[in-house]
Amino acid sequence: MAEFWEEAFKDKKEMWGSKPAKSTILTSDFFVEKNLQNILIPGIGYGRNAKTFIDNGISVTGIEISQTAIDLAHEHFDNNLTIHHGSVTEMPFDDKLYDGIYCYGLIYLLDKDERKKLIQDCFNQLTENGYMVFTAITKDAKTYGQGTPISKNRFEMFGGVKIFFYDKETIEKEFGEFGLFETTEVIENYPFHLIKCTKRK
């Protein structure tokens, strides 16, 4: 996985452009509404989704597997952004608690055990009454069922990327015990579930 993303960022640099994803704008508005101050972004990439939060006065810490992506992010943010280098499967990278966690376009690239660990690790780093938001590709995506089947709803495509496609049942199963309170659908390049959880006593 690390080698794949390192080569992708070396080859295509800012491959998704500079504009934030629609899900990011919706999440940023939500975090501002809830008056969140510091957030963690696992899989921060080159920072295109971080800027929206920073512009709204929210402190951002990231995790990124590609050093090339981290270097690109630092060019944009003048090294004023803390990014831990490594895979999200190795969380936690610090002992901080965050009042928000935003995980865009990442969880569906992991296998079942890795997804479970990521959700638990993120939940563990949330403050009480904190919020975590995940985006997950839906089974309505045109690419669902393409490529090589690996397991139920999971396929290998695009030269080695393994993608798990979520439905409402899977969301409830994986996030239900972690304060799941809302799921909406957002259309980006692909249709996504926007999954919101909160940490209560």
N, C-alpha and C. Protein backbone atom coordinates (compact mmCIF):
# COMPACT_ATOMS: atom_id res chain seq x y z
N MET A 1 0.83 -1.21 0.00
CA MET A 1 0.00 0.00 0.00
C MET A 1 0.86 1.26 0.00
N ALA A 2 1.89 1.29 0.85
CA ALA A 2 2.76 2.46 0.94
C ALA A 2 3.44 2.74 -0.39
N GLU A 3 3.96 1.69 -1.01
CA GLU A 3 4.67 1.85 -2.28
C GLU A 3 3.73 2.36 -3.37
N PHE A 4 2.49 1.84 -3.38
CA PHE A 4 1.51 2.25 -4.38
C PHE A 4 1.26 3.75 -4.31
N TRP A 5 0.99 4.25 -3.09
CA TRP A 5 0.65 5.67 -2.93
C TRP A 5 1.87 6.57 -3.12
N GLU A 6 3.03 6.10 -2.71
CA GLU A 6 4.24 6.90 -2.92
C GLU A 6 4.48 7.10 -4.42
N GLU A 7 4.34 6.03 -5.19
CA GLU A 7 4.54 6.13 -6.64
C GLU A 7 3.45 6.99 -7.28
N ALA A 8 2.22 6.86 -6.78
CA ALA A 8 1.10 7.65 -7.33
C ALA A 8 1.34 9.14 -7.13
N PHE A 9 1.77 9.53 -5.93
CA PHE A 9 2.00 10.95 -5.66
C PHE A 9 3.24 11.47 -6.39
N LYS A 10 4.25 10.61 -6.55
CA LYS A 10 5.43 11.01 -7.31
C LYS A 10 5.07 11.27 -8.77
N ASP A 11 4.21 10.41 -9.29
CA ASP A 11 3.85 10.47 -10.70
C ASP A 11 2.84 11.57 -10.99
N LYS A 12 1.79 11.67 -10.13
CA LYS A 12 0.66 12.56 -10.44
C LYS A 12 0.59 13.79 -9.54
N LYS A 13 1.50 13.88 -8.57
CA LYS A 13 1.55 15.04 -7.66
C LYS A 13 0.17 15.32 -7.06
N GLU A 14 -0.37 16.53 -7.35
CA GLU A 14 -1.67 16.92 -6.77
C GLU A 14 -2.80 16.38 -7.64
N MET A 15 -2.96 15.08 -7.58
CA MET A 15 -3.81 14.37 -8.53
C MET A 15 -5.30 14.70 -8.43
N TRP A 16 -5.74 15.23 -7.29
CA TRP A 16 -7.15 15.57 -7.13
C TRP A 16 -7.39 17.08 -7.18
N GLY A 17 -6.38 17.82 -7.61
CA GLY A 17 -6.54 19.27 -7.70
C GLY A 17 -6.41 19.94 -6.34
N SER A 18 -6.79 21.21 -6.28
CA SER A 18 -6.62 21.98 -5.05
C SER A 18 -7.93 22.25 -4.32
N LYS A 19 -9.04 22.02 -4.99
CA LYS A 19 -10.33 22.29 -4.35
C LYS A 19 -10.69 21.18 -3.38
N PRO A 20 -11.28 21.52 -2.23
CA PRO A 20 -11.69 20.49 -1.27
C PRO A 20 -12.86 19.67 -1.80
N ALA A 21 -12.99 18.47 -1.31
CA ALA A 21 -14.13 17.63 -1.68
C ALA A 21 -15.41 18.21 -1.09
N LYS A 22 -16.53 17.92 -1.73
CA LYS A 22 -17.83 18.39 -1.24
C LYS A 22 -18.07 17.91 0.20
N SER A 23 -17.69 16.66 0.48
CA SER A 23 -17.84 16.12 1.84
C SER A 23 -17.05 16.94 2.86
N THR A 24 -15.91 17.45 2.43
CA THR A 24 -15.06 18.24 3.32
C THR A 24 -15.75 19.55 3.70
N ILE A 25 -16.35 20.20 2.74
CA ILE A 25 -17.05 21.46 3.01
C ILE A 25 -18.21 21.22 3.97
N LEU A 26 -18.96 20.15 3.73
CA LEU A 26 -20.08 19.82 4.62
C LEU A 26 -19.59 19.51 6.04
N THR A 27 -18.47 18.78 6.13
CA THR A 27 -17.93 18.41 7.44
C THR A 27 -17.34 19.62 8.14
N SER A 28 -16.67 20.48 7.40
CA SER A 28 -16.11 21.69 7.99
C SER A 28 -17.22 22.58 8.57
N ASP A 29 -18.29 22.74 7.82
CA ASP A 29 -19.43 23.52 8.32
C ASP A 29 -19.99 22.91 9.61
N PHE A 30 -20.08 21.59 9.63
CA PHE A 30 -20.57 20.87 10.80
C PHE A 30 -19.64 21.06 12.00
N PHE A 31 -18.32 20.94 11.76
CA PHE A 31 -17.35 21.11 12.85
C PHE A 31 -17.36 22.54 13.39
N VAL A 32 -17.52 23.52 12.50
CA VAL A 32 -17.60 24.92 12.93
C VAL A 32 -18.86 25.13 13.78
N GLU A 33 -19.96 24.55 13.32
CA GLU A 33 -21.23 24.65 14.06
C GLU A 33 -21.08 24.08 15.47
N LYS A 34 -20.30 23.00 15.59
CA LYS A 34 -20.09 22.35 16.89
C LYS A 34 -18.93 22.98 17.67
N ASN A 35 -18.31 24.01 17.08
CA ASN A 35 -17.23 24.75 17.73
C ASN A 35 -16.02 23.87 18.05
N LEU A 36 -15.65 22.99 17.12
CA LEU A 36 -14.49 22.14 17.31
C LEU A 36 -13.22 22.95 17.08
N GLN A 37 -12.17 22.63 17.84
CA GLN A 37 -10.94 23.43 17.81
C GLN A 37 -9.76 22.70 17.19
N ASN A 38 -9.68 21.39 17.40
CA ASN A 38 -8.52 20.65 16.88
C ASN A 38 -8.98 19.31 16.33
N ILE A 39 -8.53 19.01 15.11
CA ILE A 39 -8.97 17.78 14.47
C ILE A 39 -7.78 16.98 13.93
N LEU A 40 -8.04 15.70 13.74
CA LEU A 40 -7.08 14.77 13.15
C LEU A 40 -7.63 14.33 11.80
N ILE A 41 -6.76 14.34 10.78
CA ILE A 41 -7.15 13.85 9.45
C ILE A 41 -6.26 12.68 9.06
N PRO A 42 -6.70 11.44 9.29
CA PRO A 42 -5.95 10.28 8.81
C PRO A 42 -6.03 10.24 7.28
N GLY A 43 -4.89 10.04 6.62
CA GLY A 43 -4.87 10.04 5.16
C GLY A 43 -5.02 11.44 4.61
N ILE A 44 -4.21 12.36 5.11
CA ILE A 44 -4.36 13.78 4.76
C ILE A 44 -3.87 14.10 3.35
N GLY A 45 -3.09 13.19 2.75
CA GLY A 45 -2.59 13.43 1.40
C GLY A 45 -1.73 14.68 1.34
N TYR A 46 -1.94 15.50 0.31
CA TYR A 46 -1.15 16.73 0.17
C TYR A 46 -1.87 17.94 0.77
N GLY A 47 -2.96 17.68 1.50
CA GLY A 47 -3.57 18.73 2.31
C GLY A 47 -4.73 19.49 1.70
N ARG A 48 -5.23 19.05 0.55
CA ARG A 48 -6.29 19.83 -0.09
C ARG A 48 -7.53 19.94 0.80
N ASN A 49 -7.81 18.89 1.58
CA ASN A 49 -8.98 18.93 2.45
C ASN A 49 -8.68 19.59 3.80
N ALA A 50 -7.42 19.77 4.12
CA ALA A 50 -7.06 20.40 5.39
C ALA A 50 -7.31 21.90 5.36
N LYS A 51 -7.09 22.51 4.20
CA LYS A 51 -7.15 23.97 4.09
C LYS A 51 -8.50 24.53 4.53
N THR A 52 -9.58 23.85 4.18
CA THR A 52 -10.92 24.32 4.55
C THR A 52 -11.07 24.46 6.05
N PHE A 53 -10.56 23.47 6.79
CA PHE A 53 -10.66 23.51 8.25
C PHE A 53 -9.76 24.62 8.81
N ILE A 54 -8.54 24.71 8.29
CA ILE A 54 -7.59 25.71 8.76
C ILE A 54 -8.13 27.12 8.51
N ASP A 55 -8.74 27.33 7.35
CA ASP A 55 -9.33 28.63 7.02
C ASP A 55 -10.47 29.00 7.98
N ASN A 56 -11.05 27.98 8.60
CA ASN A 56 -12.12 28.22 9.57
C ASN A 56 -11.60 28.25 11.01
N GLY A 57 -10.27 28.35 11.16
CA GLY A 57 -9.69 28.51 12.49
C GLY A 57 -9.53 27.23 13.28
N ILE A 58 -9.61 26.09 12.60
CA ILE A 58 -9.47 24.80 13.27
C ILE A 58 -8.03 24.29 13.11
N SER A 59 -7.43 23.86 14.19
CA SER A 59 -6.08 23.30 14.15
C SER A 59 -6.13 21.87 13.60
N VAL A 60 -5.23 21.57 12.66
CA VAL A 60 -5.25 20.27 11.98
C VAL A 60 -3.95 19.51 12.19
N THR A 61 -4.06 18.23 12.52
CA THR A 61 -2.94 17.29 12.53
C THR A 61 -3.29 16.18 11.53
N GLY A 62 -2.30 15.72 10.78
CA GLY A 62 -2.57 14.70 9.77
C GLY A 62 -1.74 13.44 9.94
N ILE A 63 -2.17 12.40 9.27
CA ILE A 63 -1.41 11.15 9.13
C ILE A 63 -1.36 10.85 7.63
N GLU A 64 -0.18 10.51 7.12
CA GLU A 64 -0.06 10.24 5.69
C GLU A 64 1.03 9.20 5.43
N ILE A 65 0.71 8.25 4.54
CA ILE A 65 1.61 7.15 4.25
C ILE A 65 2.70 7.53 3.25
N SER A 66 2.44 8.57 2.43
CA SER A 66 3.39 8.96 1.37
C SER A 66 4.21 10.18 1.78
N GLN A 67 5.52 10.02 1.79
CA GLN A 67 6.39 11.16 2.10
C GLN A 67 6.30 12.24 1.04
N THR A 68 6.11 11.84 -0.20
CA THR A 68 5.96 12.82 -1.29
C THR A 68 4.73 13.69 -1.05
N ALA A 69 3.63 13.08 -0.63
CA ALA A 69 2.41 13.84 -0.33
C ALA A 69 2.65 14.80 0.84
N ILE A 70 3.37 14.33 1.85
CA ILE A 70 3.69 15.18 3.01
C ILE A 70 4.52 16.38 2.57
N ASP A 71 5.51 16.14 1.71
CA ASP A 71 6.34 17.24 1.21
C ASP A 71 5.51 18.26 0.44
N LEU A 72 4.56 17.79 -0.36
CA LEU A 72 3.67 18.69 -1.09
C LEU A 72 2.81 19.51 -0.13
N ALA A 73 2.32 18.86 0.92
CA ALA A 73 1.50 19.55 1.91
C ALA A 73 2.30 20.65 2.61
N HIS A 74 3.54 20.33 2.96
CA HIS A 74 4.38 21.33 3.64
C HIS A 74 4.69 22.52 2.74
N GLU A 75 4.77 22.29 1.43
CA GLU A 75 4.95 23.41 0.50
C GLU A 75 3.78 24.38 0.58
N HIS A 76 2.58 23.82 0.73
CA HIS A 76 1.37 24.65 0.80
C HIS A 76 1.23 25.37 2.14
N PHE A 77 1.67 24.71 3.19
CA PHE A 77 1.40 25.22 4.54
C PHE A 77 2.67 25.69 5.26
N ASP A 78 3.76 25.87 4.51
CA ASP A 78 5.01 26.40 5.07
C ASP A 78 5.46 25.65 6.33
N ASN A 79 5.30 24.35 6.31
CA ASN A 79 5.71 23.48 7.43
C ASN A 79 4.95 23.77 8.73
N ASN A 80 3.84 24.51 8.63
CA ASN A 80 3.06 24.83 9.83
C ASN A 80 1.99 23.78 10.12
N LEU A 81 2.10 22.66 9.47
CA LEU A 81 1.12 21.59 9.63
C LEU A 81 1.83 20.35 10.13
N THR A 82 1.36 19.80 11.25
CA THR A 82 1.96 18.57 11.78
C THR A 82 1.36 17.37 11.06
N ILE A 83 2.23 16.60 10.41
CA ILE A 83 1.78 15.38 9.72
C ILE A 83 2.67 14.22 10.15
N HIS A 84 2.05 13.19 10.70
CA HIS A 84 2.78 11.98 11.08
C HIS A 84 2.94 11.09 9.85
N HIS A 85 4.17 10.64 9.61
CA HIS A 85 4.43 9.80 8.44
C HIS A 85 4.25 8.33 8.80
N GLY A 86 3.29 7.70 8.16
CA GLY A 86 3.06 6.28 8.40
C GLY A 86 1.66 5.88 7.97
N SER A 87 1.37 4.60 8.11
CA SER A 87 0.06 4.07 7.74
C SER A 87 -0.93 4.26 8.89
N VAL A 88 -2.18 4.52 8.54
CA VAL A 88 -3.21 4.64 9.58
C VAL A 88 -3.38 3.33 10.36
N THR A 89 -2.91 2.24 9.78
CA THR A 89 -3.00 0.95 10.48
C THR A 89 -2.04 0.90 11.67
N GLU A 90 -1.14 1.89 11.75
CA GLU A 90 -0.18 1.95 12.86
C GLU A 90 -0.58 2.98 13.92
N MET A 91 -1.78 3.52 13.83
CA MET A 91 -2.26 4.47 14.84
C MET A 91 -2.26 3.81 16.22
N PRO A 92 -2.08 4.64 17.26
CA PRO A 92 -1.93 6.10 17.26
C PRO A 92 -0.48 6.54 17.09
N PHE A 93 -0.31 7.77 16.58
CA PHE A 93 1.02 8.36 16.41
C PHE A 93 1.34 9.38 17.50
N ASP A 94 0.34 9.75 18.27
CA ASP A 94 0.56 10.64 19.41
C ASP A 94 -0.47 10.28 20.48
N ASP A 95 -0.35 10.89 21.64
CA ASP A 95 -1.28 10.59 22.73
C ASP A 95 -2.31 11.70 22.92
N LYS A 96 -2.45 12.54 21.90
CA LYS A 96 -3.41 13.64 21.97
C LYS A 96 -4.83 13.14 21.78
N LEU A 97 -5.77 13.89 22.36
CA LEU A 97 -7.18 13.67 22.08
C LEU A 97 -7.66 14.82 21.21
N TYR A 98 -8.50 14.52 20.24
CA TYR A 98 -9.00 15.51 19.30
C TYR A 98 -10.51 15.63 19.44
N ASP A 99 -11.04 16.85 19.26
CA ASP A 99 -12.49 16.97 19.35
C ASP A 99 -13.17 16.70 18.02
N GLY A 100 -12.36 16.47 16.97
CA GLY A 100 -12.91 16.04 15.70
C GLY A 100 -11.93 15.19 14.92
N ILE A 101 -12.44 14.22 14.19
CA ILE A 101 -11.62 13.40 13.29
C ILE A 101 -12.36 13.30 11.97
N TYR A 102 -11.63 13.54 10.88
CA TYR A 102 -12.23 13.51 9.54
C TYR A 102 -11.43 12.55 8.67
N CYS A 103 -12.09 11.53 8.19
CA CYS A 103 -11.41 10.48 7.43
C CYS A 103 -12.07 10.38 6.06
N TYR A 104 -11.43 11.00 5.06
CA TYR A 104 -12.02 11.07 3.73
C TYR A 104 -11.36 10.07 2.78
N GLY A 105 -12.20 9.29 2.11
CA GLY A 105 -11.73 8.45 1.02
C GLY A 105 -10.63 7.48 1.40
N LEU A 106 -10.74 6.88 2.57
CA LEU A 106 -9.65 6.04 3.06
C LEU A 106 -10.13 4.69 3.58
N ILE A 107 -11.15 4.69 4.40
CA ILE A 107 -11.51 3.46 5.13
C ILE A 107 -11.85 2.32 4.18
N TYR A 108 -12.40 2.63 3.03
CA TYR A 108 -12.81 1.57 2.12
C TYR A 108 -11.63 0.93 1.38
N LEU A 109 -10.42 1.48 1.58
CA LEU A 109 -9.22 0.88 0.99
C LEU A 109 -8.62 -0.20 1.89
N LEU A 110 -9.20 -0.38 3.08
CA LEU A 110 -8.66 -1.30 4.08
C LEU A 110 -9.46 -2.59 4.12
N ASP A 111 -8.82 -3.65 4.67
CA ASP A 111 -9.57 -4.90 4.84
C ASP A 111 -10.39 -4.84 6.13
N LYS A 112 -11.15 -5.87 6.39
CA LYS A 112 -12.10 -5.86 7.50
C LYS A 112 -11.44 -5.58 8.85
N ASP A 113 -10.34 -6.26 9.14
CA ASP A 113 -9.66 -6.06 10.44
C ASP A 113 -9.05 -4.66 10.53
N GLU A 114 -8.50 -4.17 9.41
CA GLU A 114 -7.91 -2.82 9.40
C GLU A 114 -8.98 -1.75 9.58
N ARG A 115 -10.14 -1.97 8.96
CA ARG A 115 -11.24 -1.01 9.12
C ARG A 115 -11.69 -0.96 10.58
N LYS A 116 -11.83 -2.12 11.17
CA LYS A 116 -12.24 -2.20 12.57
C LYS A 116 -11.25 -1.48 13.48
N LYS A 117 -9.96 -1.71 13.24
CA LYS A 117 -8.91 -1.07 14.06
C LYS A 117 -8.92 0.45 13.86
N LEU A 118 -9.09 0.90 12.60
CA LEU A 118 -9.09 2.34 12.34
C LEU A 118 -10.24 3.03 13.08
N ILE A 119 -11.42 2.46 13.00
CA ILE A 119 -12.57 3.05 13.69
C ILE A 119 -12.32 3.11 15.19
N GLN A 120 -11.82 2.01 15.75
CA GLN A 120 -11.53 1.98 17.18
C GLN A 120 -10.44 2.98 17.56
N ASP A 121 -9.38 3.03 16.77
CA ASP A 121 -8.27 3.95 17.05
C ASP A 121 -8.73 5.40 17.00
N CYS A 122 -9.55 5.73 16.00
CA CYS A 122 -10.08 7.10 15.90
C CYS A 122 -10.96 7.41 17.11
N PHE A 123 -11.83 6.49 17.45
CA PHE A 123 -12.72 6.68 18.59
C PHE A 123 -11.93 6.89 19.88
N ASN A 124 -10.84 6.13 20.02
CA ASN A 124 -9.99 6.24 21.21
C ASN A 124 -9.35 7.62 21.34
N GLN A 125 -9.12 8.29 20.20
CA GLN A 125 -8.46 9.59 20.23
C GLN A 125 -9.44 10.76 20.21
N LEU A 126 -10.72 10.45 20.36
CA LEU A 126 -11.73 11.51 20.44
C LEU A 126 -11.91 11.96 21.89
N THR A 127 -12.08 13.26 22.06
CA THR A 127 -12.47 13.77 23.38
C THR A 127 -13.92 13.38 23.64
N GLU A 128 -14.32 13.45 24.89
CA GLU A 128 -15.73 13.24 25.21
C GLU A 128 -16.55 14.30 24.49
N ASN A 129 -17.65 13.88 23.90
CA ASN A 129 -18.52 14.74 23.08
C ASN A 129 -17.87 15.17 21.76
N GLY A 130 -16.77 14.52 21.40
CA GLY A 130 -16.14 14.80 20.11
C GLY A 130 -16.89 14.09 18.99
N TYR A 131 -16.52 14.45 17.75
CA TYR A 131 -17.20 13.89 16.58
C TYR A 131 -16.18 13.31 15.61
N MET A 132 -16.55 12.21 14.97
CA MET A 132 -15.72 11.70 13.88
C MET A 132 -16.61 11.46 12.66
N VAL A 133 -16.06 11.82 11.50
CA VAL A 133 -16.80 11.73 10.25
C VAL A 133 -15.97 10.95 9.24
N PHE A 134 -16.59 9.96 8.64
CA PHE A 134 -15.93 9.12 7.63
C PHE A 134 -16.71 9.22 6.32
N THR A 135 -16.00 9.15 5.19
CA THR A 135 -16.67 8.96 3.91
C THR A 135 -16.36 7.55 3.43
N ALA A 136 -17.38 6.89 2.88
CA ALA A 136 -17.21 5.52 2.41
C ALA A 136 -17.95 5.36 1.09
N ILE A 137 -17.31 4.77 0.12
CA ILE A 137 -17.91 4.60 -1.20
C ILE A 137 -19.09 3.64 -1.12
N THR A 138 -20.16 3.93 -1.87
CA THR A 138 -21.38 3.12 -1.80
C THR A 138 -21.42 2.07 -2.90
N LYS A 139 -22.33 1.14 -2.73
CA LYS A 139 -22.50 0.09 -3.74
C LYS A 139 -23.19 0.63 -4.99
N ASP A 140 -23.63 1.88 -4.95
CA ASP A 140 -24.22 2.50 -6.14
C ASP A 140 -23.16 2.98 -7.13
N ALA A 141 -21.90 2.95 -6.72
CA ALA A 141 -20.82 3.39 -7.61
C ALA A 141 -20.77 2.50 -8.86
N LYS A 142 -20.46 3.11 -9.99
CA LYS A 142 -20.41 2.36 -11.25
C LYS A 142 -19.33 1.29 -11.24
N THR A 143 -18.32 1.49 -10.39
CA THR A 143 -17.22 0.52 -10.34
C THR A 143 -17.54 -0.69 -9.46
N TYR A 144 -18.67 -0.66 -8.77
CA TYR A 144 -19.02 -1.82 -7.91
C TYR A 144 -19.14 -3.08 -8.76
N GLY A 145 -18.45 -4.13 -8.31
CA GLY A 145 -18.50 -5.41 -9.02
C GLY A 145 -17.45 -5.56 -10.11
N GLN A 146 -16.70 -4.47 -10.39
CA GLN A 146 -15.65 -4.55 -11.40
C GLN A 146 -14.35 -5.06 -10.77
N GLY A 147 -13.40 -5.41 -11.60
CA GLY A 147 -12.12 -5.89 -11.09
C GLY A 147 -12.20 -7.32 -10.59
N THR A 148 -11.26 -7.68 -9.74
CA THR A 148 -11.16 -9.04 -9.22
C THR A 148 -11.80 -9.13 -7.85
N PRO A 149 -12.80 -10.01 -7.66
CA PRO A 149 -13.42 -10.14 -6.34
C PRO A 149 -12.41 -10.68 -5.32
N ILE A 150 -12.39 -10.07 -4.13
CA ILE A 150 -11.50 -10.52 -3.06
C ILE A 150 -12.32 -11.17 -1.95
N SER A 151 -13.40 -10.50 -1.58
CA SER A 151 -14.33 -10.99 -0.58
C SER A 151 -15.66 -10.28 -0.84
N LYS A 152 -16.64 -10.51 0.00
CA LYS A 152 -17.95 -9.90 -0.22
C LYS A 152 -17.83 -8.37 -0.29
N ASN A 153 -18.29 -7.80 -1.39
CA ASN A 153 -18.31 -6.36 -1.61
C ASN A 153 -16.92 -5.71 -1.69
N ARG A 154 -15.87 -6.52 -1.89
CA ARG A 154 -14.51 -5.99 -1.98
C ARG A 154 -13.85 -6.50 -3.26
N PHE A 155 -13.26 -5.57 -4.02
CA PHE A 155 -12.70 -5.90 -5.33
C PHE A 155 -11.36 -5.20 -5.53
N GLU A 156 -10.50 -5.86 -6.28
CA GLU A 156 -9.21 -5.25 -6.63
C GLU A 156 -9.31 -4.69 -8.04
N MET A 157 -8.92 -3.40 -8.19
CA MET A 157 -9.03 -2.74 -9.50
C MET A 157 -7.98 -1.65 -9.60
N PHE A 158 -7.99 -0.92 -10.70
CA PHE A 158 -7.09 0.22 -10.90
C PHE A 158 -5.62 -0.13 -10.65
N GLY A 159 -5.20 -1.30 -11.08
CA GLY A 159 -3.79 -1.66 -10.96
C GLY A 159 -3.32 -1.99 -9.56
N GLY A 160 -4.22 -2.47 -8.72
CA GLY A 160 -3.80 -2.93 -7.39
C GLY A 160 -4.53 -2.32 -6.22
N VAL A 161 -5.46 -1.39 -6.46
CA VAL A 161 -6.23 -0.81 -5.35
C VAL A 161 -7.36 -1.75 -4.97
N LYS A 162 -7.47 -2.02 -3.67
CA LYS A 162 -8.54 -2.89 -3.17
C LYS A 162 -9.60 -2.03 -2.52
N ILE A 163 -10.83 -2.13 -3.01
CA ILE A 163 -11.91 -1.24 -2.57
C ILE A 163 -13.07 -2.05 -1.99
N PHE A 164 -13.50 -1.64 -0.80
CA PHE A 164 -14.67 -2.23 -0.16
C PHE A 164 -15.84 -1.27 -0.32
N PHE A 165 -16.96 -1.78 -0.81
CA PHE A 165 -18.14 -0.94 -1.06
C PHE A 165 -19.14 -1.11 0.08
N TYR A 166 -19.53 0.02 0.65
CA TYR A 166 -20.40 0.01 1.83
C TYR A 166 -21.89 0.08 1.47
N ASP A 167 -22.71 -0.56 2.30
CA ASP A 167 -24.15 -0.34 2.29
C ASP A 167 -24.59 0.01 3.72
N LYS A 168 -25.86 0.34 3.90
CA LYS A 168 -26.35 0.79 5.21
C LYS A 168 -26.13 -0.28 6.28
N GLU A 169 -26.32 -1.53 5.89
CA GLU A 169 -26.16 -2.64 6.84
C GLU A 169 -24.71 -2.72 7.35
N THR A 170 -23.75 -2.59 6.45
CA THR A 170 -22.34 -2.64 6.85
C THR A 170 -21.98 -1.44 7.72
N ILE A 171 -22.51 -0.27 7.39
CA ILE A 171 -22.25 0.92 8.20
C ILE A 171 -22.73 0.70 9.63
N GLU A 172 -23.94 0.20 9.76
CA GLU A 172 -24.48 -0.06 11.10
C GLU A 172 -23.63 -1.09 11.84
N LYS A 173 -23.20 -2.09 11.13
CA LYS A 173 -22.41 -3.17 11.75
C LYS A 173 -21.04 -2.66 12.21
N GLU A 174 -20.38 -1.83 11.40
CA GLU A 174 -19.01 -1.40 11.70
C GLU A 174 -18.97 -0.18 12.62
N PHE A 175 -19.97 0.72 12.51
CA PHE A 175 -19.93 1.98 13.26
C PHE A 175 -20.95 2.05 14.39
N GLY A 176 -21.87 1.09 14.42
CA GLY A 176 -22.99 1.15 15.34
C GLY A 176 -22.62 1.32 16.80
N GLU A 177 -21.55 0.67 17.23
CA GLU A 177 -21.15 0.75 18.64
C GLU A 177 -20.22 1.93 18.92
N PHE A 178 -20.01 2.78 17.92
CA PHE A 178 -19.12 3.92 18.08
C PHE A 178 -19.86 5.25 17.93
N GLY A 179 -21.07 5.30 18.47
CA GLY A 179 -21.82 6.55 18.51
C GLY A 179 -22.36 7.00 17.17
N LEU A 180 -22.63 6.06 16.27
CA LEU A 180 -23.21 6.40 14.96
C LEU A 180 -24.56 7.09 15.16
N PHE A 181 -24.73 8.28 14.55
CA PHE A 181 -26.01 8.96 14.70
C PHE A 181 -26.58 9.49 13.39
N GLU A 182 -25.78 9.48 12.31
CA GLU A 182 -26.32 9.99 11.04
C GLU A 182 -25.52 9.47 9.86
N THR A 183 -26.22 9.08 8.82
CA THR A 183 -25.59 8.72 7.54
C THR A 183 -26.34 9.42 6.42
N THR A 184 -25.61 10.18 5.62
CA THR A 184 -26.22 10.83 4.45
C THR A 184 -25.40 10.45 3.22
N GLU A 185 -25.95 10.72 2.05
CA GLU A 185 -25.24 10.41 0.82
C GLU A 185 -24.77 11.69 0.14
N VAL A 186 -23.54 11.67 -0.35
CA VAL A 186 -22.95 12.81 -1.03
C VAL A 186 -22.37 12.32 -2.36
N ILE A 187 -22.66 13.04 -3.42
CA ILE A 187 -22.13 12.65 -4.73
C ILE A 187 -20.86 13.44 -5.00
N GLU A 188 -19.75 12.73 -5.10
CA GLU A 188 -18.47 13.33 -5.50
C GLU A 188 -18.17 12.74 -6.89
N ASN A 189 -16.92 12.39 -7.15
CA ASN A 189 -16.63 11.61 -8.36
C ASN A 189 -17.34 10.26 -8.28
N TYR A 190 -17.52 9.81 -7.06
CA TYR A 190 -18.26 8.59 -6.77
C TYR A 190 -19.32 8.92 -5.72
N PRO A 191 -20.37 8.11 -5.62
CA PRO A 191 -21.32 8.33 -4.52
C PRO A 191 -20.73 7.84 -3.20
N PHE A 192 -20.81 8.69 -2.19
CA PHE A 192 -20.26 8.37 -0.88
C PHE A 192 -21.34 8.40 0.20
N HIS A 193 -21.15 7.58 1.22
CA HIS A 193 -21.86 7.73 2.48
C HIS A 193 -21.03 8.68 3.33
N LEU A 194 -21.69 9.66 3.95
CA LEU A 194 -21.05 10.55 4.93
C LEU A 194 -21.53 10.06 6.30
N ILE A 195 -20.61 9.48 7.05
CA ILE A 195 -20.95 8.76 8.29
C ILE A 195 -20.51 9.58 9.50
N LYS A 196 -21.45 9.93 10.36
CA LYS A 196 -21.14 10.75 11.53
C LYS A 196 -21.33 9.96 12.82
N CYS A 197 -20.32 10.05 13.69
CA CYS A 197 -20.35 9.40 14.99
C CYS A 197 -19.96 10.41 16.07
N THR A 198 -20.41 10.17 17.29
CA THR A 198 -20.01 11.03 18.41
C THR A 198 -19.68 10.18 19.61
N LYS A 199 -18.84 10.72 20.48
CA LYS A 199 -18.40 9.99 21.66
C LYS A 199 -19.11 10.53 22.90
N ARG A 200 -20.00 9.75 23.42
CA ARG A 200 -20.74 10.12 24.62
C ARG A 200 -20.36 9.21 25.77
N LYS A 201 -20.69 9.65 27.00
CA LYS A 201 -20.43 8.80 28.17
C LYS A 201 -21.25 7.53 28.08
